[in-house]
Amino acid sequence: MDREQVIGIIASTGTAVSLLPQLIKIIKEKKAEGTSPVMLIVLFTGLGFWITYGVLKNDWIIISANTISFLLNLAMGILAIKYRPKQGTPIEK
């Protein structure tokens, strides 16, 4: 493994798990009122293109990191829907 691959693995790992703290917070608090659906849609689109790019380049670092990111964001999107405030329910602070 060369230096470029090591740097790529470190960078992609950091990026892939960057939303993990937010996901853990949503799971613990069972609240996701601050999650933007538009942000998630844009992020899913970008990650889909990154995965496609990785496949075209045959780059397993890009493919795996962005697949992990996609799955973590998918989990956050599902939890954001599950834990969104009900209509007419005041949001707790």
C-alpha atoms as a PDB file:
ATOM      1  CA  MET A   1       0.000   0.000   0.000  1.00  0.00           C
ATOM      2  CA  ASP A   2       1.481   3.355  -0.997  1.00  0.00           C
ATOM      3  CA  ARG A   3       1.259   6.732   0.727  1.00  0.00           C
ATOM      4  CA  GLU A   4      -1.549   7.962  -1.537  1.00  0.00           C
ATOM      5  CA  GLN A   5      -3.725   4.994  -0.612  1.00  0.00           C
ATOM      6  CA  VAL A   6      -3.104   5.510   3.117  1.00  0.00           C
ATOM      7  CA  ILE A   7      -4.028   9.185   2.851  1.00  0.00           C
ATOM      8  CA  GLY A   8      -7.131   8.253   0.837  1.00  0.00           C
ATOM      9  CA  ILE A   9      -8.202   5.691   3.431  1.00  0.00           C
ATOM     10  CA  ILE A  10      -7.731   8.127   6.313  1.00  0.00           C
ATOM     11  CA  ALA A  11      -9.550  10.939   4.494  1.00  0.00           C
ATOM     12  CA  SER A  12     -12.421   8.751   3.353  1.00  0.00           C
ATOM     13  CA  THR A  13     -12.838   7.174   6.790  1.00  0.00           C
ATOM     14  CA  GLY A  14     -13.121  10.608   8.392  1.00  0.00           C
ATOM     15  CA  THR A  15     -15.648  11.726   5.816  1.00  0.00           C
ATOM     16  CA  ALA A  16     -17.635   8.485   5.960  1.00  0.00           C
ATOM     17  CA  VAL A  17     -18.143   8.584   9.719  1.00  0.00           C
ATOM     18  CA  SER A  18     -18.564  12.358  10.049  1.00  0.00           C
ATOM     19  CA  LEU A  19     -22.322  12.087  10.607  1.00  0.00           C
ATOM     20  CA  LEU A  20     -22.051   9.247  13.110  1.00  0.00           C
ATOM     21  CA  PRO A  21     -22.216  11.587  16.154  1.00  0.00           C
ATOM     22  CA  GLN A  22     -25.416  13.166  14.783  1.00  0.00           C
ATOM     23  CA  LEU A  23     -26.908   9.740  14.125  1.00  0.00           C
ATOM     24  CA  ILE A  24     -26.085   8.602  17.675  1.00  0.00           C
ATOM     25  CA  LYS A  25     -27.644  11.795  19.079  1.00  0.00           C
ATOM     26  CA  ILE A  26     -30.860  11.206  17.128  1.00  0.00           C
ATOM     27  CA  ILE A  27     -31.015   7.598  18.352  1.00  0.00           C
ATOM     28  CA  LYS A  28     -30.431   8.567  21.999  1.00  0.00           C
ATOM     29  CA  GLU A  29     -32.786  11.566  22.081  1.00  0.00           C
ATOM     30  CA  LYS A  30     -35.387  10.136  19.682  1.00  0.00           C
ATOM     31  CA  LYS A  31     -35.669  13.634  18.185  1.00  0.00           C
ATOM     32  CA  ALA A  32     -34.657  14.799  14.731  1.00  0.00           C
ATOM     33  CA  GLU A  33     -36.398  18.119  14.286  1.00  0.00           C
ATOM     34  CA  GLY A  34     -33.187  19.833  13.125  1.00  0.00           C
ATOM     35  CA  THR A  35     -32.579  17.488  10.197  1.00  0.00           C
ATOM     36  CA  SER A  36     -33.101  19.127   6.807  1.00  0.00           C
ATOM     37  CA  PRO A  37     -34.764  16.852   4.244  1.00  0.00           C
ATOM     38  CA  VAL A  38     -33.397  18.972   1.378  1.00  0.00           C
ATOM     39  CA  MET A  39     -29.843  18.591   2.740  1.00  0.00           C
ATOM     40  CA  LEU A  40     -30.287  14.814   2.868  1.00  0.00           C
ATOM     41  CA  ILE A  41     -31.599  14.688  -0.711  1.00  0.00           C
ATOM     42  CA  VAL A  42     -28.662  16.757  -1.986  1.00  0.00           C
ATOM     43  CA  LEU A  43     -26.255  14.611   0.023  1.00  0.00           C
ATOM     44  CA  PHE A  44     -27.769  11.335  -1.284  1.00  0.00           C
ATOM     45  CA  THR A  45     -27.443  12.650  -4.838  1.00  0.00           C
ATOM     46  CA  GLY A  46     -23.812  13.621  -4.331  1.00  0.00           C
ATOM     47  CA  LEU A  47     -22.960  10.329  -2.672  1.00  0.00           C
ATOM     48  CA  GLY A  48     -24.652   8.420  -5.484  1.00  0.00           C
ATOM     49  CA  PHE A  49     -22.456  10.238  -7.988  1.00  0.00           C
ATOM     50  CA  TRP A  50     -19.331   9.609  -5.870  1.00  0.00           C
ATOM     51  CA  ILE A  51     -20.121   5.885  -5.773  1.00  0.00           C
ATOM     52  CA  THR A  52     -20.669   5.882  -9.537  1.00  0.00           C
ATOM     53  CA  TYR A  53     -17.392   7.754 -10.027  1.00  0.00           C
ATOM     54  CA  GLY A  54     -15.593   5.224  -7.825  1.00  0.00           C
ATOM     55  CA  VAL A  55     -17.034   2.351  -9.854  1.00  0.00           C
ATOM     56  CA  LEU A  56     -15.987   4.002 -13.133  1.00  0.00           C
ATOM     57  CA  LYS A  57     -12.481   4.588 -11.767  1.00  0.00           C
ATOM     58  CA  ASN A  58     -12.414   1.132 -10.136  1.00  0.00           C
ATOM     59  CA  ASP A  59     -11.359   2.813  -6.870  1.00  0.00           C
ATOM     60  CA  TRP A  60     -12.429   0.735  -3.860  1.00  0.00           C
ATOM     61  CA  ILE A  61     -11.559   3.540  -1.421  1.00  0.00           C
ATOM     62  CA  ILE A  62     -14.029   5.928  -3.045  1.00  0.00           C
ATOM     63  CA  ILE A  63     -16.654   3.206  -3.448  1.00  0.00           C
ATOM     64  CA  SER A  64     -16.475   1.905   0.126  1.00  0.00           C
ATOM     65  CA  ALA A  65     -16.244   5.293   1.865  1.00  0.00           C
ATOM     66  CA  ASN A  66     -19.168   6.748  -0.024  1.00  0.00           C
ATOM     67  CA  THR A  67     -21.242   3.587   0.367  1.00  0.00           C
ATOM     68  CA  ILE A  68     -20.728   3.770   4.143  1.00  0.00           C
ATOM     69  CA  SER A  69     -21.636   7.471   4.075  1.00  0.00           C
ATOM     70  CA  PHE A  70     -24.723   6.693   2.000  1.00  0.00           C
ATOM     71  CA  LEU A  71     -25.870   4.001   4.453  1.00  0.00           C
ATOM     72  CA  LEU A  72     -25.273   6.211   7.521  1.00  0.00           C
ATOM     73  CA  ASN A  73     -27.179   9.052   5.877  1.00  0.00           C
ATOM     74  CA  LEU A  74     -29.945   6.689   4.879  1.00  0.00           C
ATOM     75  CA  ALA A  75     -30.259   5.640   8.526  1.00  0.00           C
ATOM     76  CA  MET A  76     -30.379   9.296   9.548  1.00  0.00           C
ATOM     77  CA  GLY A  77     -33.053  10.001   6.943  1.00  0.00           C
ATOM     78  CA  ILE A  78     -35.175   7.087   8.172  1.00  0.00           C
ATOM     79  CA  LEU A  79     -34.797   8.211  11.789  1.00  0.00           C
ATOM     80  CA  ALA A  80     -35.565  11.818  10.838  1.00  0.00           C
ATOM     81  CA  ILE A  81     -38.858  10.620   9.364  1.00  0.00           C
ATOM     82  CA  LYS A  82     -39.577   8.331  12.320  1.00  0.00           C
ATOM     83  CA  TYR A  83     -38.791  10.944  14.980  1.00  0.00           C
ATOM     84  CA  ARG A  84     -40.089  14.081  13.257  1.00  0.00           C
ATOM     85  CA  PRO A  85     -42.444  16.193  15.373  1.00  0.00           C
ATOM     86  CA  LYS A  86     -46.095  15.389  14.914  1.00  0.00           C
ATOM     87  CA  GLN A  87     -48.366  18.064  13.409  1.00  0.00           C
ATOM     88  CA  GLY A  88     -49.484  20.518  16.099  1.00  0.00           C
ATOM     89  CA  THR A  89     -46.994  19.207  18.685  1.00  0.00           C
ATOM     90  CA  PRO A  90     -44.747  21.922  20.117  1.00  0.00           C
ATOM     91  CA  ILE A  91     -41.029  21.253  19.752  1.00  0.00           C
ATOM     92  CA  GLU A  92     -39.255  20.839  23.104  1.00  0.00           C
ATOM     93  CA  LYS A  93     -36.117  22.847  23.731  1.00  0.00           C
END
